[in-house]
N, C-alpha and C. Protein backbone atom coordinates (compact mmCIF):
# COMPACT_ATOMS: atom_id res chain seq x y z
N MET A 1 297.68 34.09 256.86
CA MET A 1 298.56 34.64 255.96
C MET A 1 299.48 35.23 256.45
N ALA A 2 300.58 35.63 255.64
CA ALA A 2 301.78 36.49 256.35
C ALA A 2 301.52 37.89 256.64
N ASP A 3 301.92 38.92 257.93
CA ASP A 3 301.19 40.19 257.89
C ASP A 3 301.63 41.03 256.81
N LEU A 4 300.50 41.95 256.45
CA LEU A 4 300.83 43.20 255.67
C LEU A 4 301.89 44.25 255.98
N GLU A 5 302.68 44.18 255.16
CA GLU A 5 304.14 45.13 255.08
C GLU A 5 304.15 46.07 254.40
N ILE A 6 304.42 47.63 254.92
CA ILE A 6 304.18 48.59 253.89
C ILE A 6 305.41 49.19 253.89
N LEU A 7 306.53 49.30 252.69
CA LEU A 7 307.69 49.65 252.66
C LEU A 7 307.63 51.06 252.34
N GLY A 8 308.32 51.89 252.92
CA GLY A 8 308.54 53.15 252.86
C GLY A 8 308.96 54.03 254.01
N ILE A 9 309.43 55.19 253.79
CA ILE A 9 309.81 56.16 255.08
C ILE A 9 308.85 56.97 255.49
N PRO A 10 308.37 56.87 256.86
CA PRO A 10 306.93 57.56 257.02
C PRO A 10 306.96 58.96 256.93
N LEU A 11 307.99 59.81 256.76
CA LEU A 11 308.07 61.10 255.90
C LEU A 11 307.19 61.29 254.69
N SER A 12 307.19 60.18 253.80
CA SER A 12 306.37 60.42 252.64
C SER A 12 304.85 60.43 252.68
N ASN A 13 304.33 61.34 252.16
CA ASN A 13 303.00 61.73 252.03
C ASN A 13 302.06 60.46 251.73
N TYR A 14 302.84 59.86 250.56
CA TYR A 14 301.82 58.76 250.10
C TYR A 14 302.13 57.36 250.91
N VAL A 15 303.26 57.25 251.67
CA VAL A 15 303.41 56.10 252.48
C VAL A 15 302.49 56.28 254.11
N ARG A 16 302.34 57.86 254.22
CA ARG A 16 301.30 58.14 255.81
C ARG A 16 299.95 58.20 255.13
N SER A 17 299.43 57.57 253.77
CA SER A 17 298.13 57.79 253.26
C SER A 17 297.47 56.40 253.22
N ILE A 18 298.77 55.51 252.89
CA ILE A 18 298.71 54.04 252.84
C ILE A 18 298.68 53.68 254.81
N ARG A 19 299.10 54.11 255.47
CA ARG A 19 299.13 53.78 256.74
C ARG A 19 297.85 54.42 257.35
N MET A 20 297.45 55.54 257.17
CA MET A 20 295.90 56.11 257.74
C MET A 20 294.75 55.08 256.96
N LEU A 21 294.82 54.85 255.95
CA LEU A 21 293.73 53.80 255.44
C LEU A 21 293.87 52.28 255.98
N CYS A 22 295.03 51.88 256.42
CA CYS A 22 294.60 50.68 257.32
C CYS A 22 294.46 51.04 258.64
N GLU A 23 294.92 52.36 259.24
CA GLU A 23 294.48 52.83 260.60
C GLU A 23 292.76 52.65 260.70
N GLU A 24 292.20 53.52 259.89
CA GLU A 24 290.87 53.58 259.32
C GLU A 24 290.21 52.17 259.12
N LYS A 25 290.71 51.08 258.49
CA LYS A 25 290.14 49.86 258.51
C LYS A 25 290.42 49.09 259.89
N GLY A 26 291.45 49.53 260.54
CA GLY A 26 291.96 48.35 261.54
C GLY A 26 292.30 47.30 260.95
N VAL A 27 293.36 47.52 259.96
CA VAL A 27 294.17 46.36 259.26
C VAL A 27 295.43 46.61 260.09
N ALA A 28 296.14 45.46 260.67
CA ALA A 28 297.21 45.64 261.21
C ALA A 28 298.25 45.35 260.09
N TYR A 29 299.45 46.01 260.27
CA TYR A 29 300.51 46.01 259.43
C TYR A 29 301.70 46.38 259.62
N LYS A 30 302.93 46.16 259.48
CA LYS A 30 303.88 46.40 259.58
C LYS A 30 304.87 47.03 258.73
N LEU A 31 305.17 48.49 259.43
CA LEU A 31 306.05 49.59 258.69
C LEU A 31 307.53 49.05 258.51
N ASN A 32 307.98 49.05 257.12
CA ASN A 32 309.22 48.51 257.13
C ASN A 32 309.81 49.99 256.34
N PRO A 33 310.59 51.12 257.32
CA PRO A 33 311.11 52.25 256.82
C PRO A 33 312.15 52.13 255.82
N VAL A 34 311.91 51.60 254.87
CA VAL A 34 313.18 51.96 253.79
C VAL A 34 313.19 53.08 253.03
N PHE A 35 314.18 53.40 252.34
CA PHE A 35 314.18 54.85 251.05
C PHE A 35 313.82 54.07 250.03
N PRO A 36 313.81 55.26 249.36
CA PRO A 36 313.62 54.90 247.67
C PRO A 36 314.84 54.35 247.63
N HIS A 37 314.50 53.40 246.26
CA HIS A 37 315.68 53.13 245.73
C HIS A 37 316.83 52.16 246.71
N SER A 38 315.99 51.18 247.74
CA SER A 38 316.35 50.59 248.53
C SER A 38 316.78 49.20 247.69
N PRO A 39 317.36 47.96 248.02
CA PRO A 39 317.00 46.83 247.66
C PRO A 39 315.53 46.32 247.41
N GLU A 40 315.30 46.52 248.73
CA GLU A 40 313.48 45.95 248.67
C GLU A 40 312.52 46.43 247.96
N VAL A 41 312.99 47.98 248.07
CA VAL A 41 312.20 48.71 247.17
C VAL A 41 312.05 48.14 245.72
N ASP A 42 313.61 48.26 245.21
CA ASP A 42 313.86 48.06 243.75
C ASP A 42 313.35 46.41 243.36
N ALA A 43 313.39 45.82 244.35
CA ALA A 43 312.35 44.45 243.58
C ALA A 43 311.28 44.58 243.45
N ILE A 44 310.80 45.12 244.02
CA ILE A 44 309.34 45.56 243.54
C ILE A 44 308.83 46.73 242.51
N HIS A 45 309.30 48.11 242.98
CA HIS A 45 308.95 49.19 241.78
C HIS A 45 309.81 49.24 240.93
N PRO A 46 309.45 49.03 239.69
CA PRO A 46 310.51 49.58 238.79
C PRO A 46 311.42 50.48 238.59
N ALA A 47 310.72 51.63 239.02
CA ALA A 47 311.28 53.26 239.24
C ALA A 47 311.91 53.42 240.69
N GLY A 48 311.83 52.22 241.73
CA GLY A 48 312.39 52.53 243.08
C GLY A 48 312.01 53.29 243.60
N GLN A 49 310.33 53.42 243.67
CA GLN A 49 309.70 54.44 244.36
C GLN A 49 308.95 54.15 245.52
N ILE A 50 308.34 54.94 246.63
CA ILE A 50 307.90 54.27 247.71
C ILE A 50 306.61 54.73 247.62
N PRO A 51 305.18 54.07 248.22
CA PRO A 51 305.26 52.79 249.01
C PRO A 51 305.12 51.76 248.23
N CYS A 52 305.48 50.74 248.51
CA CYS A 52 305.45 49.59 248.37
C CYS A 52 304.72 48.80 249.10
N LEU A 53 303.96 47.56 248.50
CA LEU A 53 303.30 46.34 249.70
C LEU A 53 303.97 44.99 249.28
N ARG A 54 304.24 44.40 250.57
CA ARG A 54 304.18 42.72 250.50
C ARG A 54 303.10 42.15 251.19
N HIS A 55 302.31 41.40 251.11
CA HIS A 55 301.50 40.58 251.66
C HIS A 55 301.85 39.16 251.13
N GLY A 56 302.28 38.26 252.08
CA GLY A 56 302.35 36.88 251.77
C GLY A 56 303.21 37.18 250.10
N ASP A 57 302.35 36.60 249.03
CA ASP A 57 302.71 36.25 247.63
C ASP A 57 302.56 37.58 246.88
N VAL A 58 302.11 38.51 247.42
CA VAL A 58 301.41 39.74 246.68
C VAL A 58 302.51 40.59 246.98
N ALA A 59 302.92 41.22 246.02
CA ALA A 59 303.70 42.69 245.74
C ALA A 59 303.06 43.55 245.05
N LEU A 60 302.86 44.61 245.57
CA LEU A 60 302.72 45.71 244.55
C LEU A 60 303.25 47.04 245.00
N PHE A 61 303.00 47.89 243.95
CA PHE A 61 303.50 49.41 244.20
C PHE A 61 302.50 50.36 243.50
N GLU A 62 302.79 51.79 243.74
CA GLU A 62 301.78 52.67 243.22
C GLU A 62 300.83 52.83 244.29
N SER A 63 300.52 54.10 244.91
CA SER A 63 299.62 53.80 246.23
C SER A 63 298.34 53.58 245.92
N LYS A 64 297.76 54.07 244.78
CA LYS A 64 296.24 54.09 244.84
C LYS A 64 296.28 52.42 244.33
N ALA A 65 297.15 51.47 243.80
CA ALA A 65 297.03 50.09 243.60
C ALA A 65 297.20 49.46 244.90
N ILE A 66 297.82 49.85 245.85
CA ILE A 66 298.32 49.34 247.15
C ILE A 66 296.75 49.49 247.73
N ALA A 67 296.17 51.07 247.60
CA ALA A 67 294.95 51.32 248.63
C ALA A 67 293.60 50.42 248.57
N THR A 68 293.67 50.17 246.78
CA THR A 68 292.54 49.39 246.47
C THR A 68 292.75 47.95 246.74
N TYR A 69 293.78 47.15 247.26
CA TYR A 69 294.00 46.18 247.35
C TYR A 69 293.40 45.41 248.97
N ILE A 70 294.33 46.74 249.67
CA ILE A 70 293.97 46.85 250.67
C ILE A 70 292.37 46.85 251.27
N ASP A 71 292.00 48.26 250.66
CA ASP A 71 290.39 47.94 250.94
C ASP A 71 289.36 47.03 249.94
N LYS A 72 289.78 46.26 249.36
CA LYS A 72 289.16 44.83 248.79
C LYS A 72 289.40 43.88 249.38
N ALA A 73 290.55 43.82 249.71
CA ALA A 73 291.28 42.43 250.41
C ALA A 73 290.91 42.46 251.83
N PHE A 74 290.46 43.50 252.85
CA PHE A 74 290.07 42.80 254.38
C PHE A 74 288.87 43.42 254.74
N PRO A 75 288.65 43.20 255.88
CA PRO A 75 287.45 43.51 256.12
C PRO A 75 287.24 44.98 256.82
N GLY A 76 286.18 45.56 257.05
CA GLY A 76 285.89 46.98 257.63
C GLY A 76 285.19 48.14 257.06
N PRO A 77 285.19 48.72 256.98
CA PRO A 77 284.69 49.83 256.40
C PRO A 77 285.09 49.86 255.01
N LYS A 78 284.32 50.33 254.17
CA LYS A 78 285.25 50.68 252.63
C LYS A 78 285.15 52.18 252.50
N PHE A 79 286.99 52.27 251.97
CA PHE A 79 287.26 53.81 252.01
C PHE A 79 287.28 53.87 250.36
N ILE A 80 287.23 53.13 249.69
CA ILE A 80 286.84 53.00 248.23
C ILE A 80 285.51 53.06 247.73
N PRO A 81 284.64 53.67 247.10
CA PRO A 81 283.06 53.64 246.80
C PRO A 81 282.99 52.42 245.97
N GLU A 82 282.07 51.90 246.67
CA GLU A 82 281.63 50.53 245.40
C GLU A 82 280.91 50.95 244.26
N ASP A 83 280.08 51.88 244.19
CA ASP A 83 279.32 52.08 243.12
C ASP A 83 280.45 52.93 242.09
N ALA A 84 279.68 52.86 240.89
CA ALA A 84 280.48 53.10 239.95
C ALA A 84 280.54 54.93 239.87
N LEU A 85 279.64 55.28 240.24
CA LEU A 85 280.08 56.79 239.81
C LEU A 85 280.99 57.09 241.16
N GLY A 86 280.84 56.73 242.43
CA GLY A 86 281.42 56.89 243.63
C GLY A 86 282.94 56.57 243.12
N ALA A 87 283.05 55.15 242.94
CA ALA A 87 284.54 54.83 242.78
C ALA A 87 285.25 55.69 241.50
N ALA A 88 284.20 56.32 240.24
CA ALA A 88 285.33 57.11 239.90
C ALA A 88 285.51 58.16 240.24
N ARG A 89 284.74 59.23 241.17
CA ARG A 89 285.23 60.50 241.50
C ARG A 89 286.04 60.10 242.37
N CYS A 90 286.19 59.23 243.56
CA CYS A 90 287.61 58.89 244.14
C CYS A 90 288.81 58.73 243.19
N GLU A 91 288.58 58.28 242.35
CA GLU A 91 289.85 57.88 241.28
C GLU A 91 290.08 59.03 240.78
N GLN A 92 289.18 60.08 240.57
CA GLN A 92 289.13 61.31 239.94
C GLN A 92 290.28 62.19 240.95
N TRP A 93 289.53 62.41 242.34
CA TRP A 93 290.69 63.43 243.33
C TRP A 93 291.73 62.58 243.50
N VAL A 94 292.06 61.47 243.79
CA VAL A 94 293.11 60.87 243.52
C VAL A 94 294.42 61.28 242.60
N SER A 95 293.77 61.05 241.47
CA SER A 95 294.57 61.62 240.35
C SER A 95 294.98 63.01 240.59
N TYR A 96 293.95 63.70 240.58
CA TYR A 96 294.07 65.32 241.24
C TYR A 96 295.00 65.50 242.06
N GLY A 97 294.98 64.71 242.78
CA GLY A 97 295.84 65.13 243.99
C GLY A 97 297.41 64.49 243.69
N ASN A 98 297.12 63.51 243.35
CA ASN A 98 299.15 63.15 242.46
C ASN A 98 299.30 64.30 241.55
N GLY A 99 298.32 64.38 240.66
CA GLY A 99 299.08 65.25 239.28
C GLY A 99 299.45 66.64 239.71
N LYS A 100 298.41 67.35 240.74
CA LYS A 100 298.33 68.59 240.86
C LYS A 100 298.58 68.90 242.56
N VAL A 101 298.37 68.49 243.13
CA VAL A 101 298.15 68.99 244.64
C VAL A 101 299.90 68.60 245.21
N ASP A 102 299.80 67.33 244.90
CA ASP A 102 301.30 66.74 245.14
C ASP A 102 302.54 67.33 244.50
N ASP A 103 302.62 67.79 243.54
CA ASP A 103 303.68 68.54 242.43
C ASP A 103 303.49 69.72 242.90
N TRP A 104 302.62 70.72 243.14
CA TRP A 104 302.57 72.04 243.28
C TRP A 104 302.99 72.18 245.10
N ILE A 105 302.55 71.81 246.33
CA ILE A 105 302.57 71.41 247.48
C ILE A 105 304.04 70.99 247.63
N MET A 106 304.10 69.86 247.41
CA MET A 106 305.13 68.98 247.62
C MET A 106 306.62 68.98 247.26
N ARG A 107 306.14 69.02 245.72
CA ARG A 107 307.52 69.02 244.78
C ARG A 107 307.81 70.30 244.43
N GLN A 108 307.09 71.11 244.18
CA GLN A 108 307.49 72.61 243.86
C GLN A 108 307.59 73.64 245.21
N PHE A 109 307.21 73.56 246.30
CA PHE A 109 306.93 74.55 247.41
C PHE A 109 307.91 73.72 248.64
N VAL A 110 307.31 72.81 248.98
CA VAL A 110 307.80 72.42 250.53
C VAL A 110 309.39 71.58 250.07
N VAL A 111 309.89 70.76 249.02
CA VAL A 111 311.16 70.28 248.75
C VAL A 111 311.92 71.14 248.67
N PRO A 112 311.72 71.99 247.71
CA PRO A 112 313.04 73.41 247.68
C PRO A 112 312.82 74.31 248.86
N SER A 113 311.97 73.97 249.94
CA SER A 113 311.99 74.85 251.04
C SER A 113 312.89 74.42 252.29
N ILE A 114 312.87 73.01 251.88
CA ILE A 114 313.59 72.36 252.69
C ILE A 114 314.91 71.84 252.64
N PHE A 115 315.20 71.09 251.28
CA PHE A 115 316.68 70.52 250.67
C PHE A 115 317.02 71.55 249.62
N PHE A 116 318.21 72.14 250.05
CA PHE A 116 318.76 73.11 249.18
C PHE A 116 320.38 73.59 249.94
N ASN A 117 320.91 73.99 248.74
CA ASN A 117 322.24 74.20 249.28
C ASN A 117 322.61 75.16 250.07
N LYS A 118 323.16 74.70 251.02
CA LYS A 118 323.45 76.00 252.21
C LYS A 118 324.15 77.08 251.68
N GLU A 119 324.91 76.93 251.23
CA GLU A 119 325.39 78.23 250.61
C GLU A 119 324.79 79.08 249.37
N LYS A 120 324.35 78.45 248.75
CA LYS A 120 322.86 79.40 247.74
C LYS A 120 321.94 79.67 248.64
N GLY A 121 321.39 78.72 249.42
CA GLY A 121 320.17 79.30 249.97
C GLY A 121 318.77 78.34 249.48
N PRO A 122 317.73 78.41 249.51
CA PRO A 122 316.54 77.84 249.19
C PRO A 122 316.30 78.71 247.67
N ASP A 123 315.78 77.91 246.81
CA ASP A 123 315.48 78.53 245.31
C ASP A 123 314.07 79.47 245.87
N THR A 124 314.15 80.87 245.74
CA THR A 124 312.93 81.54 246.44
C THR A 124 312.25 81.49 245.13
N ALA A 125 312.71 81.83 244.13
CA ALA A 125 311.90 82.01 243.10
C ALA A 125 310.84 80.60 242.61
N LYS A 126 311.32 79.68 242.78
CA LYS A 126 310.77 78.39 242.34
C LYS A 126 309.61 78.31 243.55
N ILE A 127 310.09 78.64 244.74
CA ILE A 127 309.16 78.37 245.97
C ILE A 127 307.90 79.50 245.68
N GLU A 128 308.22 80.65 245.63
CA GLU A 128 307.29 81.84 245.18
C GLU A 128 306.32 81.43 243.94
N ALA A 129 306.56 80.88 242.73
CA ALA A 129 306.12 80.57 241.71
C ALA A 129 305.19 79.78 241.66
N ALA A 130 305.39 78.90 242.66
CA ALA A 130 304.29 77.86 243.19
C ALA A 130 303.13 78.02 243.68
N LEU A 131 303.30 79.39 244.50
CA LEU A 131 302.01 79.78 245.14
C LEU A 131 300.91 79.91 244.41
N PRO A 132 300.77 80.78 243.38
CA PRO A 132 299.68 80.59 242.58
C PRO A 132 299.11 79.49 242.22
N GLU A 133 300.02 78.66 241.72
CA GLU A 133 299.13 77.23 241.42
C GLU A 133 298.67 76.46 242.69
N ILE A 134 299.74 76.61 244.06
CA ILE A 134 298.86 76.14 245.06
C ILE A 134 297.57 76.83 245.03
N GLU A 135 297.36 78.13 245.10
CA GLU A 135 296.03 78.89 244.97
C GLU A 135 294.95 78.03 244.04
N LYS A 136 295.39 77.74 243.05
CA LYS A 136 294.41 76.89 241.81
C LYS A 136 293.85 75.96 242.57
N CYS A 137 294.85 75.13 243.12
CA CYS A 137 294.51 73.59 243.87
C CYS A 137 293.62 74.19 245.13
N ALA A 138 293.96 74.87 245.79
CA ALA A 138 292.93 75.25 246.95
C ALA A 138 291.78 75.41 246.27
N ALA A 139 291.94 76.47 245.52
CA ALA A 139 290.33 77.16 245.00
C ALA A 139 289.32 75.43 244.56
N ALA A 140 290.22 74.65 243.65
CA ALA A 140 289.40 73.71 243.12
C ALA A 140 288.77 72.27 244.66
N LEU A 141 289.72 72.13 245.26
CA LEU A 141 289.63 71.82 246.26
C LEU A 141 288.40 72.60 247.11
N ASP A 142 288.53 73.75 247.24
CA ASP A 142 287.55 74.45 248.17
C ASP A 142 285.76 74.39 247.72
N LYS A 143 286.02 74.25 246.09
CA LYS A 143 284.72 73.73 245.65
C LYS A 143 284.02 72.66 245.80
N ALA A 144 284.71 71.98 245.72
CA ALA A 144 284.56 70.45 245.79
C ALA A 144 284.00 70.09 247.35
N LEU A 145 284.49 70.71 248.08
CA LEU A 145 284.57 70.57 249.69
C LEU A 145 283.15 70.98 250.06
N ALA A 146 282.72 72.17 249.33
CA ALA A 146 281.76 72.85 249.83
C ALA A 146 280.19 72.23 250.12
N ALA A 147 280.25 71.21 249.48
CA ALA A 147 278.82 70.31 250.00
C ALA A 147 278.41 69.79 251.09
N THR A 148 279.67 68.68 251.06
CA THR A 148 279.62 68.01 252.19
C THR A 148 280.67 67.92 253.25
N GLY A 149 281.87 68.66 253.02
CA GLY A 149 283.17 68.67 253.64
C GLY A 149 283.86 67.42 253.30
N TYR A 150 283.80 66.77 252.18
CA TYR A 150 284.51 65.42 252.10
C TYR A 150 284.75 65.56 250.40
N LEU A 151 285.62 64.86 249.60
CA LEU A 151 285.68 65.13 248.64
C LEU A 151 284.89 64.46 247.50
N VAL A 152 284.68 63.14 248.31
CA VAL A 152 283.54 62.08 247.59
C VAL A 152 282.55 61.87 248.50
N GLY A 153 281.01 62.49 248.30
CA GLY A 153 279.87 61.84 248.81
C GLY A 153 280.02 62.77 250.40
N ASP A 154 279.33 61.88 251.20
CA ASP A 154 279.21 62.70 252.50
C ASP A 154 280.38 62.04 253.57
N ALA A 155 281.05 61.69 253.13
CA ALA A 155 281.79 60.29 254.23
C ALA A 155 283.56 60.52 254.18
N LEU A 156 284.17 59.65 254.80
CA LEU A 156 285.84 60.05 254.38
C LEU A 156 286.00 59.02 252.91
N THR A 157 286.58 59.18 252.41
CA THR A 157 287.43 58.18 251.81
C THR A 157 288.75 58.08 251.20
N TYR A 158 289.36 57.27 250.57
CA TYR A 158 290.78 57.48 250.28
C TYR A 158 291.31 58.80 249.70
N ALA A 159 290.50 59.28 248.68
CA ALA A 159 290.44 60.40 248.05
C ALA A 159 290.72 61.47 249.32
N ASP A 160 290.03 61.55 250.20
CA ASP A 160 290.74 62.50 251.31
C ASP A 160 292.11 62.03 252.27
N MET A 161 292.12 60.98 251.95
CA MET A 161 293.71 60.15 252.86
C MET A 161 294.38 60.49 252.29
N ASN A 162 294.34 60.37 251.34
CA ASN A 162 295.55 61.00 249.93
C ASN A 162 295.91 62.21 249.79
N VAL A 163 294.83 63.26 249.88
CA VAL A 163 295.53 64.88 249.65
C VAL A 163 295.88 64.98 251.11
N LEU A 164 295.10 64.66 252.19
CA LEU A 164 295.41 65.53 253.91
C LEU A 164 297.06 65.55 253.62
N PRO A 165 297.63 64.72 253.54
CA PRO A 165 298.96 64.66 254.13
C PRO A 165 299.72 65.91 253.38
N MET A 166 299.19 65.99 252.08
CA MET A 166 299.90 67.38 251.10
C MET A 166 299.69 68.26 251.81
N LEU A 167 298.44 68.75 252.07
CA LEU A 167 297.68 69.99 252.49
C LEU A 167 298.23 70.08 253.78
N ALA A 168 298.31 69.18 255.01
CA ALA A 168 298.71 69.26 256.49
C ALA A 168 300.28 69.84 256.37
N THR A 169 301.36 69.06 255.32
CA THR A 169 302.20 69.48 255.36
C THR A 169 302.52 71.14 254.74
N GLY A 170 301.83 71.66 253.52
CA GLY A 170 301.86 72.60 253.16
C GLY A 170 301.67 73.72 254.16
N ALA A 171 300.92 73.72 255.17
CA ALA A 171 300.09 74.45 256.11
C ALA A 171 300.93 74.74 257.31
N MET A 172 302.19 73.65 257.36
CA MET A 172 303.22 74.38 257.59
C MET A 172 303.90 75.38 257.82
N PHE A 173 303.75 75.72 256.32
CA PHE A 173 304.91 76.67 256.08
C PHE A 173 303.63 78.11 255.91
N PRO A 174 304.19 79.21 256.57
CA PRO A 174 303.32 80.28 256.63
C PRO A 174 303.05 80.69 255.01
N ALA A 175 303.65 80.54 253.90
CA ALA A 175 303.38 81.61 252.95
C ALA A 175 302.25 80.07 252.11
N CYS A 176 302.40 79.29 252.33
CA CYS A 176 301.47 78.10 251.77
C CYS A 176 300.14 78.31 252.52
N LYS A 177 300.58 78.28 254.21
CA LYS A 177 299.54 78.15 254.88
C LYS A 177 298.48 79.65 254.88
N ALA A 178 298.85 80.90 254.60
CA ALA A 178 298.21 81.76 253.75
C ALA A 178 297.55 81.56 252.82
N VAL A 179 297.64 81.20 251.83
CA VAL A 179 296.98 80.77 250.44
C VAL A 179 295.93 80.00 251.09
N LEU A 180 296.50 78.58 251.73
CA LEU A 180 294.96 77.44 251.92
C LEU A 180 294.21 78.19 252.95
N ASP A 181 294.21 79.29 253.88
CA ASP A 181 293.57 80.01 254.55
C ASP A 181 292.59 80.41 253.99
N GLN A 182 292.94 81.34 252.92
CA GLN A 182 291.86 81.69 252.26
C GLN A 182 290.70 81.35 252.18
N HIS A 183 290.56 79.67 251.97
CA HIS A 183 289.78 78.63 251.36
C HIS A 183 288.73 78.17 252.57
N ALA A 184 287.79 78.70 253.09
CA ALA A 184 287.47 78.35 254.10
C ALA A 184 287.21 77.05 254.27
N HIS A 185 286.43 76.36 253.62
CA HIS A 185 286.42 74.65 253.37
C HIS A 185 287.55 74.02 253.34
N VAL A 186 288.65 74.40 252.65
CA VAL A 186 289.85 73.93 252.93
C VAL A 186 290.29 73.80 254.26
N SER A 187 289.96 75.20 255.03
CA SER A 187 290.87 75.15 256.28
C SER A 187 289.86 74.43 257.24
N ALA A 188 288.94 74.09 257.05
CA ALA A 188 287.88 73.56 258.11
C ALA A 188 288.21 71.72 257.52
N TYR A 189 288.57 71.35 256.34
CA TYR A 189 288.66 70.22 256.17
C TYR A 189 290.18 69.98 256.91
N ILE A 190 291.00 70.72 256.57
CA ILE A 190 292.37 70.37 257.27
C ILE A 190 292.44 69.96 258.57
N ALA A 191 291.71 70.95 259.36
CA ALA A 191 291.28 71.06 260.68
C ALA A 191 290.74 69.63 261.50
N LYS A 192 289.41 69.17 260.51
CA LYS A 192 288.76 68.27 260.68
C LYS A 192 289.53 66.78 260.69
N LEU A 193 289.98 66.74 259.47
CA LEU A 193 290.85 65.43 259.43
C LEU A 193 291.94 65.37 260.06
N THR A 194 292.86 66.50 260.61
CA THR A 194 294.25 66.46 261.10
C THR A 194 293.85 65.64 262.57
N ALA A 195 292.49 66.04 263.17
CA ALA A 195 292.13 65.90 264.37
C ALA A 195 291.88 64.27 264.53
N ARG A 196 291.50 63.36 263.28
CA ARG A 196 291.68 62.10 263.52
C ARG A 196 292.53 61.40 264.04
N ASP A 197 292.21 60.06 264.72
CA ASP A 197 293.21 59.06 265.25
C ASP A 197 294.28 58.83 264.02
N SER A 198 293.77 58.30 263.25
CA SER A 198 294.65 58.22 261.91
C SER A 198 295.43 58.68 261.39
N PHE A 199 295.41 59.98 261.55
CA PHE A 199 296.51 61.15 261.10
C PHE A 199 297.64 61.28 262.18
N LYS A 200 297.05 61.45 263.25
CA LYS A 200 298.00 61.61 264.54
C LYS A 200 298.74 60.24 264.86
N ASN A 201 298.20 58.89 264.39
CA ASN A 201 299.20 58.02 265.07
C ASN A 201 300.02 57.58 263.51
N THR A 202 299.99 58.50 262.39
CA THR A 202 301.14 58.13 261.51
C THR A 202 301.60 59.52 261.25
N ALA A 203 302.02 59.93 262.37
CA ALA A 203 303.23 61.16 262.45
C ALA A 203 304.53 60.88 262.12
N PRO A 204 305.26 61.55 261.15
CA PRO A 204 306.43 60.94 260.73
C PRO A 204 307.00 61.36 262.16
N PRO A 205 308.37 60.98 262.50
CA PRO A 205 308.79 61.32 263.70
C PRO A 205 309.55 62.92 263.22
N PRO A 206 309.83 63.51 264.55
CA PRO A 206 310.41 65.06 264.20
C PRO A 206 311.74 64.98 263.50
N ARG A 207 312.00 65.67 262.80
CA ARG A 207 313.26 65.81 261.82
C ARG A 207 314.27 66.36 262.96
N ALA A 208 315.66 65.83 262.73
CA ALA A 208 316.60 65.93 263.90
C ALA A 208 316.98 67.45 263.38
């Protein structure tokens, strides 16, 4: 069958999560580093978003759907639990990561910290307003991590791979890092998972 192709820029936290899954499972893939709304992406995703996947006649969009396909279609360790409760909890934390952690860390904090009008400067009010919400996210994750150090069960799952790039990116900014560092389980989690080869091997290239 044709090679697995992941479409999306390596800077995207969702593209990175899918790449991490492939690395952890030992699945060979080709990264096609195209931007949102490129012709290749628009041909698959109705809203032109990344990541997308092509695998022979298969075309998929939305990271959780892509992750489910990769985890079920290829041999290797399973990172989406197969039991009902484990699968549900994985879905739960993926949804929370996408709906809350990504929004407050990536969209409301990181993006306005990096992309702004040079004449006006960053939207400091928006950035500062995100910090109390990031604190809520960190507290929820810290509570979940307290028992085993993972979000689901006692081993790495896709839920961890999904949220890690968000947390690791936020931790690159002192104000966000200060919030995350207040939660010992979250800090230990970031340190532990960013040491994995799957995280190191999917690092985006440095910004010019």
